[in-house]
Amino acid sequence: MPDIKHSIQISATPEQVYPLASTAQGFAQWWAADVTQPADTVDLGFFNRATVYRLKLALEQPPGQAEWVCESGDEWSGTRIAFRLEATKSGTQLRFTHGGWRTESDYFLSCNTTWGELMFRLKAAAEGNTPGPLFSRDGMAY
């Protein structure tokens, strides 16, 4: 099963980065503007909610690890999104994996590119910059 992986250095402590990777409010700062939190899940809406990815927090170990299980989405369902944070002299090394894909489809490759951009958005948010989420409420990238 193919995995998407990224690594990025962030000039902020793991304690500052962790909420961005482990909460609905954090996701709204860098990923998607349309974020809701029904029950014990987080829903991210795209394209006026024509696409909704439901995530459930499966592993919560502040400030070092947060892992989400994707419960919806044709190709996302059953995949896992993991954030591993390691303190460094200059802040945090974030290792990201979106793993367990069934196949390396064109959509998988497109998501890999998008996740790369999202890592820079998360970095900016953690470092006190305000780029906002990559995706607006209608699902279009800003």
N, C-alpha and C. Protein backbone atom coordinates (compact mmCIF):
# COMPACT_ATOMS: atom_id res chain seq x y z
N MET A 1 0.85 -1.19 0.00
CA MET A 1 0.00 0.00 0.00
C MET A 1 0.88 1.24 0.00
N PRO A 2 0.64 2.16 -0.92
CA PRO A 2 1.46 3.36 -0.98
C PRO A 2 1.13 4.35 0.13
N ASP A 3 2.13 5.13 0.50
CA ASP A 3 1.99 6.16 1.52
C ASP A 3 2.51 7.48 0.97
N ILE A 4 1.90 8.57 1.41
CA ILE A 4 2.40 9.91 1.15
C ILE A 4 3.20 10.30 2.38
N LYS A 5 4.42 10.81 2.19
CA LYS A 5 5.24 11.22 3.32
C LYS A 5 5.87 12.57 3.04
N HIS A 6 5.93 13.38 4.09
CA HIS A 6 6.59 14.69 4.03
C HIS A 6 7.28 14.94 5.36
N SER A 7 8.31 15.76 5.32
CA SER A 7 9.01 16.17 6.53
C SER A 7 9.33 17.65 6.39
N ILE A 8 9.12 18.41 7.47
CA ILE A 8 9.37 19.85 7.41
C ILE A 8 9.85 20.33 8.78
N GLN A 9 10.80 21.25 8.76
CA GLN A 9 11.30 21.88 9.98
C GLN A 9 10.45 23.11 10.26
N ILE A 10 10.01 23.25 11.51
CA ILE A 10 9.15 24.36 11.91
C ILE A 10 9.82 25.10 13.06
N SER A 11 9.87 26.42 12.98
CA SER A 11 10.46 27.24 14.03
C SER A 11 9.43 27.55 15.11
N ALA A 12 8.97 26.50 15.77
CA ALA A 12 8.02 26.59 16.88
C ALA A 12 8.16 25.30 17.68
N THR A 13 7.78 25.32 18.93
CA THR A 13 7.90 24.14 19.77
C THR A 13 6.84 23.10 19.41
N PRO A 14 7.08 21.83 19.74
CA PRO A 14 6.03 20.83 19.52
C PRO A 14 4.71 21.20 20.21
N GLU A 15 4.79 21.85 21.37
CA GLU A 15 3.58 22.26 22.08
C GLU A 15 2.78 23.29 21.28
N GLN A 16 3.46 24.10 20.48
CA GLN A 16 2.78 25.08 19.64
C GLN A 16 2.22 24.44 18.37
N VAL A 17 2.92 23.44 17.85
CA VAL A 17 2.52 22.79 16.60
C VAL A 17 1.39 21.79 16.84
N TYR A 18 1.44 21.08 17.94
CA TYR A 18 0.52 19.97 18.19
C TYR A 18 -0.96 20.32 18.00
N PRO A 19 -1.47 21.42 18.56
CA PRO A 19 -2.90 21.72 18.37
C PRO A 19 -3.30 21.90 16.90
N LEU A 20 -2.37 22.29 16.06
CA LEU A 20 -2.67 22.47 14.63
C LEU A 20 -2.89 21.12 13.94
N ALA A 21 -2.32 20.06 14.51
CA ALA A 21 -2.42 18.72 13.92
C ALA A 21 -3.41 17.82 14.62
N SER A 22 -3.96 18.29 15.73
CA SER A 22 -4.79 17.39 16.55
C SER A 22 -6.18 17.91 16.87
N THR A 23 -6.56 19.07 16.29
CA THR A 23 -7.88 19.63 16.60
C THR A 23 -8.56 20.20 15.36
N ALA A 24 -9.86 20.27 15.42
CA ALA A 24 -10.63 20.89 14.33
C ALA A 24 -10.25 22.36 14.17
N GLN A 25 -10.09 23.06 15.31
CA GLN A 25 -9.71 24.47 15.25
C GLN A 25 -8.34 24.63 14.60
N GLY A 26 -7.44 23.69 14.87
CA GLY A 26 -6.13 23.74 14.24
C GLY A 26 -6.22 23.55 12.74
N PHE A 27 -6.99 22.56 12.29
CA PHE A 27 -7.14 22.30 10.86
C PHE A 27 -7.68 23.53 10.13
N ALA A 28 -8.60 24.26 10.78
CA ALA A 28 -9.21 25.43 10.15
C ALA A 28 -8.20 26.55 9.92
N GLN A 29 -7.06 26.51 10.59
CA GLN A 29 -6.05 27.56 10.42
C GLN A 29 -5.18 27.35 9.19
N TRP A 30 -5.10 26.10 8.70
CA TRP A 30 -4.18 25.86 7.58
C TRP A 30 -4.71 24.93 6.50
N TRP A 31 -5.74 24.14 6.78
CA TRP A 31 -6.18 23.13 5.82
C TRP A 31 -7.45 23.54 5.09
N ALA A 32 -8.57 23.63 5.81
CA ALA A 32 -9.87 23.90 5.18
C ALA A 32 -10.67 24.87 6.04
N ALA A 33 -11.37 25.78 5.38
CA ALA A 33 -12.21 26.74 6.09
C ALA A 33 -13.49 26.09 6.61
N ASP A 34 -13.96 25.05 5.94
CA ASP A 34 -15.21 24.37 6.30
C ASP A 34 -14.88 23.15 7.18
N VAL A 35 -14.77 23.40 8.48
CA VAL A 35 -14.45 22.35 9.44
C VAL A 35 -15.52 22.33 10.51
N THR A 36 -16.10 21.15 10.74
CA THR A 36 -17.08 20.98 11.81
C THR A 36 -16.63 19.81 12.67
N GLN A 37 -17.22 19.72 13.86
CA GLN A 37 -16.82 18.67 14.78
C GLN A 37 -18.04 17.96 15.36
N PRO A 38 -18.66 17.09 14.54
CA PRO A 38 -19.78 16.31 15.06
C PRO A 38 -19.27 15.17 15.94
N ALA A 39 -19.86 15.04 17.11
CA ALA A 39 -19.51 13.95 18.04
C ALA A 39 -18.00 13.88 18.25
N ASP A 40 -17.41 12.72 18.03
CA ASP A 40 -15.98 12.53 18.29
C ASP A 40 -15.17 12.48 17.00
N THR A 41 -15.65 13.17 15.98
CA THR A 41 -14.96 13.21 14.69
C THR A 41 -14.78 14.66 14.24
N VAL A 42 -14.03 14.83 13.18
CA VAL A 42 -13.86 16.13 12.53
C VAL A 42 -14.23 15.95 11.07
N ASP A 43 -15.10 16.82 10.55
CA ASP A 43 -15.47 16.81 9.14
C ASP A 43 -14.83 18.00 8.45
N LEU A 44 -14.19 17.74 7.31
CA LEU A 44 -13.63 18.79 6.47
C LEU A 44 -14.42 18.80 5.18
N GLY A 45 -15.07 19.93 4.88
CA GLY A 45 -15.91 20.03 3.69
C GLY A 45 -15.19 20.76 2.56
N PHE A 46 -15.37 20.24 1.36
CA PHE A 46 -14.77 20.82 0.17
C PHE A 46 -15.84 20.93 -0.92
N PHE A 47 -15.69 21.93 -1.78
CA PHE A 47 -16.59 22.13 -2.92
C PHE A 47 -18.05 22.20 -2.45
N ASN A 48 -18.29 23.14 -1.51
CA ASN A 48 -19.62 23.33 -0.92
C ASN A 48 -20.17 22.03 -0.33
N ARG A 49 -19.30 21.29 0.28
CA ARG A 49 -19.59 20.02 0.98
C ARG A 49 -19.97 18.88 0.03
N ALA A 50 -19.67 19.03 -1.26
CA ALA A 50 -19.85 17.91 -2.19
C ALA A 50 -18.90 16.78 -1.81
N THR A 51 -17.76 17.15 -1.24
CA THR A 51 -16.81 16.18 -0.69
C THR A 51 -16.62 16.50 0.77
N VAL A 52 -16.80 15.51 1.63
CA VAL A 52 -16.57 15.67 3.07
C VAL A 52 -15.68 14.52 3.52
N TYR A 53 -14.57 14.88 4.13
CA TYR A 53 -13.70 13.87 4.72
C TYR A 53 -13.94 13.87 6.22
N ARG A 54 -14.36 12.72 6.73
CA ARG A 54 -14.58 12.56 8.17
C ARG A 54 -13.36 11.87 8.76
N LEU A 55 -12.79 12.50 9.77
CA LEU A 55 -11.60 11.98 10.44
C LEU A 55 -11.90 11.71 11.91
N LYS A 56 -11.33 10.62 12.39
CA LYS A 56 -11.48 10.27 13.81
C LYS A 56 -10.07 10.17 14.40
N LEU A 57 -9.87 10.85 15.53
CA LEU A 57 -8.58 10.83 16.18
C LEU A 57 -8.34 9.45 16.79
N ALA A 58 -7.33 8.75 16.29
CA ALA A 58 -7.06 7.38 16.73
C ALA A 58 -5.91 7.31 17.72
N LEU A 59 -5.01 8.29 17.67
CA LEU A 59 -3.86 8.31 18.58
C LEU A 59 -3.60 9.74 18.97
N GLU A 60 -3.58 9.99 20.26
CA GLU A 60 -3.37 11.33 20.78
C GLU A 60 -2.31 11.25 21.87
N GLN A 61 -1.09 11.70 21.53
CA GLN A 61 0.01 11.70 22.48
C GLN A 61 0.70 13.06 22.45
N PRO A 62 0.09 14.06 23.11
CA PRO A 62 0.67 15.40 23.07
C PRO A 62 2.03 15.43 23.79
N PRO A 63 2.95 16.22 23.32
CA PRO A 63 2.92 16.99 22.09
C PRO A 63 3.65 16.29 20.94
N GLY A 64 3.71 14.95 20.97
CA GLY A 64 4.54 14.25 20.00
C GLY A 64 3.84 13.56 18.85
N GLN A 65 2.60 13.11 19.02
CA GLN A 65 1.95 12.36 17.95
C GLN A 65 0.45 12.58 17.95
N ALA A 66 -0.08 12.69 16.74
CA ALA A 66 -1.53 12.68 16.52
C ALA A 66 -1.76 11.87 15.26
N GLU A 67 -2.69 10.93 15.33
CA GLU A 67 -2.99 10.11 14.16
C GLU A 67 -4.49 10.03 13.98
N TRP A 68 -4.92 10.24 12.76
CA TRP A 68 -6.32 10.26 12.39
C TRP A 68 -6.64 9.11 11.45
N VAL A 69 -7.83 8.52 11.59
CA VAL A 69 -8.33 7.52 10.65
C VAL A 69 -9.39 8.20 9.79
N CYS A 70 -9.27 8.04 8.49
CA CYS A 70 -10.24 8.61 7.57
C CYS A 70 -11.43 7.66 7.44
N GLU A 71 -12.62 8.17 7.73
CA GLU A 71 -13.81 7.33 7.72
C GLU A 71 -14.68 7.55 6.48
N SER A 72 -14.30 8.46 5.60
CA SER A 72 -15.10 8.70 4.40
C SER A 72 -14.17 9.10 3.26
N GLY A 73 -14.76 9.17 2.08
CA GLY A 73 -13.99 9.52 0.89
C GLY A 73 -13.66 8.26 0.12
N ASP A 74 -13.92 8.29 -1.17
CA ASP A 74 -13.74 7.10 -2.00
C ASP A 74 -12.35 6.50 -1.82
N GLU A 75 -11.31 7.32 -2.03
CA GLU A 75 -9.95 6.80 -1.90
C GLU A 75 -9.36 7.03 -0.52
N TRP A 76 -9.93 7.93 0.26
CA TRP A 76 -9.40 8.22 1.59
C TRP A 76 -9.90 7.24 2.65
N SER A 77 -11.06 6.68 2.47
CA SER A 77 -11.65 5.82 3.51
C SER A 77 -10.68 4.70 3.89
N GLY A 78 -10.41 4.61 5.19
CA GLY A 78 -9.52 3.59 5.70
C GLY A 78 -8.05 3.99 5.75
N THR A 79 -7.72 5.15 5.18
CA THR A 79 -6.34 5.61 5.25
C THR A 79 -6.10 6.27 6.61
N ARG A 80 -4.83 6.50 6.94
CA ARG A 80 -4.45 7.11 8.21
C ARG A 80 -3.58 8.33 7.95
N ILE A 81 -3.85 9.38 8.72
CA ILE A 81 -3.08 10.61 8.62
C ILE A 81 -2.34 10.79 9.94
N ALA A 82 -1.00 10.77 9.88
CA ALA A 82 -0.20 10.80 11.11
C ALA A 82 0.74 12.00 11.10
N PHE A 83 0.79 12.65 12.25
CA PHE A 83 1.71 13.75 12.49
C PHE A 83 2.63 13.33 13.62
N ARG A 84 3.94 13.31 13.38
CA ARG A 84 4.94 12.98 14.39
C ARG A 84 5.80 14.22 14.59
N LEU A 85 5.87 14.69 15.82
CA LEU A 85 6.58 15.92 16.13
C LEU A 85 7.77 15.60 17.04
N GLU A 86 8.94 16.10 16.65
CA GLU A 86 10.15 15.88 17.42
C GLU A 86 10.82 17.22 17.69
N ALA A 87 11.08 17.49 18.97
CA ALA A 87 11.75 18.73 19.34
C ALA A 87 13.17 18.73 18.77
N THR A 88 13.56 19.87 18.22
CA THR A 88 14.92 20.08 17.72
C THR A 88 15.45 21.38 18.32
N LYS A 89 16.73 21.66 18.11
CA LYS A 89 17.32 22.90 18.62
C LYS A 89 16.62 24.13 18.07
N SER A 90 16.14 24.02 16.84
CA SER A 90 15.52 25.19 16.21
C SER A 90 13.99 25.12 16.19
N GLY A 91 13.40 24.17 16.90
CA GLY A 91 11.94 24.08 16.97
C GLY A 91 11.41 22.68 16.91
N THR A 92 10.79 22.31 15.80
CA THR A 92 10.13 21.01 15.66
C THR A 92 10.38 20.43 14.28
N GLN A 93 10.70 19.15 14.25
CA GLN A 93 10.73 18.42 12.98
C GLN A 93 9.39 17.70 12.89
N LEU A 94 8.61 18.04 11.88
CA LEU A 94 7.31 17.40 11.65
C LEU A 94 7.49 16.34 10.58
N ARG A 95 7.12 15.11 10.93
CA ARG A 95 7.09 14.03 9.94
C ARG A 95 5.63 13.65 9.75
N PHE A 96 5.21 13.75 8.52
CA PHE A 96 3.80 13.54 8.16
C PHE A 96 3.68 12.32 7.27
N THR A 97 2.64 11.51 7.53
CA THR A 97 2.33 10.37 6.66
C THR A 97 0.83 10.30 6.44
N HIS A 98 0.42 10.19 5.19
CA HIS A 98 -0.97 9.83 4.86
C HIS A 98 -0.85 8.45 4.24
N GLY A 99 -1.08 7.43 5.05
CA GLY A 99 -0.76 6.07 4.66
C GLY A 99 -1.95 5.15 4.48
N GLY A 100 -1.65 4.01 3.84
CA GLY A 100 -2.65 2.97 3.67
C GLY A 100 -3.50 3.11 2.44
N TRP A 101 -3.03 3.87 1.45
CA TRP A 101 -3.78 4.00 0.20
C TRP A 101 -3.83 2.65 -0.51
N ARG A 102 -4.93 2.37 -1.18
CA ARG A 102 -5.07 1.10 -1.90
C ARG A 102 -4.20 1.04 -3.15
N THR A 103 -4.02 2.20 -3.81
CA THR A 103 -3.27 2.22 -5.06
C THR A 103 -2.65 3.60 -5.27
N GLU A 104 -1.64 3.65 -6.09
CA GLU A 104 -0.99 4.90 -6.44
C GLU A 104 -1.67 5.48 -7.67
N SER A 105 -2.89 5.94 -7.47
CA SER A 105 -3.72 6.49 -8.55
C SER A 105 -3.30 7.92 -8.87
N ASP A 106 -3.91 8.48 -9.92
CA ASP A 106 -3.69 9.88 -10.23
C ASP A 106 -4.14 10.77 -9.07
N TYR A 107 -5.22 10.38 -8.40
CA TYR A 107 -5.70 11.15 -7.25
C TYR A 107 -4.69 11.11 -6.12
N PHE A 108 -4.10 9.95 -5.86
CA PHE A 108 -3.04 9.80 -4.86
C PHE A 108 -1.91 10.79 -5.16
N LEU A 109 -1.47 10.83 -6.42
CA LEU A 109 -0.37 11.72 -6.81
C LEU A 109 -0.76 13.19 -6.63
N SER A 110 -2.00 13.53 -6.95
CA SER A 110 -2.49 14.89 -6.75
C SER A 110 -2.52 15.24 -5.26
N CYS A 111 -2.96 14.30 -4.45
CA CYS A 111 -2.99 14.53 -3.00
C CYS A 111 -1.58 14.73 -2.45
N ASN A 112 -0.61 14.00 -2.98
CA ASN A 112 0.77 14.16 -2.55
C ASN A 112 1.23 15.61 -2.75
N THR A 113 0.93 16.16 -3.92
CA THR A 113 1.28 17.55 -4.21
C THR A 113 0.57 18.49 -3.24
N THR A 114 -0.72 18.26 -3.02
CA THR A 114 -1.50 19.12 -2.13
C THR A 114 -0.97 19.05 -0.70
N TRP A 115 -0.64 17.84 -0.23
CA TRP A 115 -0.10 17.72 1.13
C TRP A 115 1.20 18.50 1.27
N GLY A 116 2.02 18.54 0.23
CA GLY A 116 3.24 19.33 0.29
C GLY A 116 2.94 20.80 0.55
N GLU A 117 1.97 21.35 -0.18
CA GLU A 117 1.54 22.73 0.04
C GLU A 117 0.96 22.90 1.44
N LEU A 118 0.17 21.94 1.89
CA LEU A 118 -0.43 22.04 3.22
C LEU A 118 0.62 22.06 4.33
N MET A 119 1.72 21.34 4.15
CA MET A 119 2.77 21.35 5.17
C MET A 119 3.35 22.74 5.34
N PHE A 120 3.48 23.49 4.23
CA PHE A 120 3.97 24.86 4.35
C PHE A 120 2.93 25.77 5.01
N ARG A 121 1.65 25.50 4.80
CA ARG A 121 0.59 26.25 5.48
C ARG A 121 0.62 25.98 6.98
N LEU A 122 0.77 24.72 7.36
CA LEU A 122 0.84 24.36 8.78
C LEU A 122 2.06 25.03 9.41
N LYS A 123 3.20 24.97 8.75
CA LYS A 123 4.43 25.62 9.23
C LYS A 123 4.20 27.11 9.46
N ALA A 124 3.61 27.78 8.49
CA ALA A 124 3.36 29.21 8.60
C ALA A 124 2.45 29.52 9.79
N ALA A 125 1.39 28.74 9.95
CA ALA A 125 0.47 28.95 11.07
C ALA A 125 1.19 28.76 12.40
N ALA A 126 2.02 27.73 12.51
CA ALA A 126 2.74 27.46 13.76
C ALA A 126 3.75 28.56 14.08
N GLU A 127 4.30 29.17 13.04
CA GLU A 127 5.31 30.20 13.22
C GLU A 127 4.70 31.59 13.38
N GLY A 128 3.37 31.67 13.48
CA GLY A 128 2.70 32.94 13.74
C GLY A 128 2.32 33.73 12.52
N ASN A 129 2.53 33.16 11.34
CA ASN A 129 2.07 33.81 10.12
C ASN A 129 0.61 33.41 9.90
N THR A 130 -0.10 34.12 9.09
CA THR A 130 -1.53 33.84 8.93
C THR A 130 -1.90 33.65 7.47
N PRO A 131 -1.43 32.57 6.85
CA PRO A 131 -1.83 32.35 5.46
C PRO A 131 -3.28 31.92 5.33
N GLY A 132 -3.85 31.40 6.42
CA GLY A 132 -5.21 30.87 6.37
C GLY A 132 -5.22 29.49 5.76
N PRO A 133 -6.39 28.88 5.72
CA PRO A 133 -6.49 27.53 5.15
C PRO A 133 -6.27 27.53 3.65
N LEU A 134 -5.77 26.43 3.14
CA LEU A 134 -5.54 26.31 1.70
C LEU A 134 -6.86 26.29 0.94
N PHE A 135 -7.89 25.66 1.52
CA PHE A 135 -9.18 25.51 0.84
C PHE A 135 -10.24 26.38 1.49
N SER A 136 -10.92 27.18 0.66
CA SER A 136 -12.02 28.01 1.11
C SER A 136 -13.27 27.14 1.32
N ARG A 137 -14.35 27.76 1.74
CA ARG A 137 -15.59 26.99 1.98
C ARG A 137 -16.11 26.34 0.71
N ASP A 138 -15.85 26.93 -0.46
CA ASP A 138 -16.34 26.32 -1.70
C ASP A 138 -15.36 25.28 -2.21
N GLY A 139 -14.26 25.06 -1.47
CA GLY A 139 -13.32 24.01 -1.83
C GLY A 139 -12.20 24.44 -2.72
N MET A 140 -12.23 25.67 -3.15
CA MET A 140 -11.19 26.17 -4.04
C MET A 140 -9.99 26.62 -3.23
N ALA A 141 -8.82 26.36 -3.73
CA ALA A 141 -7.61 26.77 -3.07
C ALA A 141 -7.51 28.29 -3.09
N TYR A 142 -7.05 28.86 -2.00
CA TYR A 142 -6.84 30.32 -1.91
C TYR A 142 -5.64 30.71 -2.71
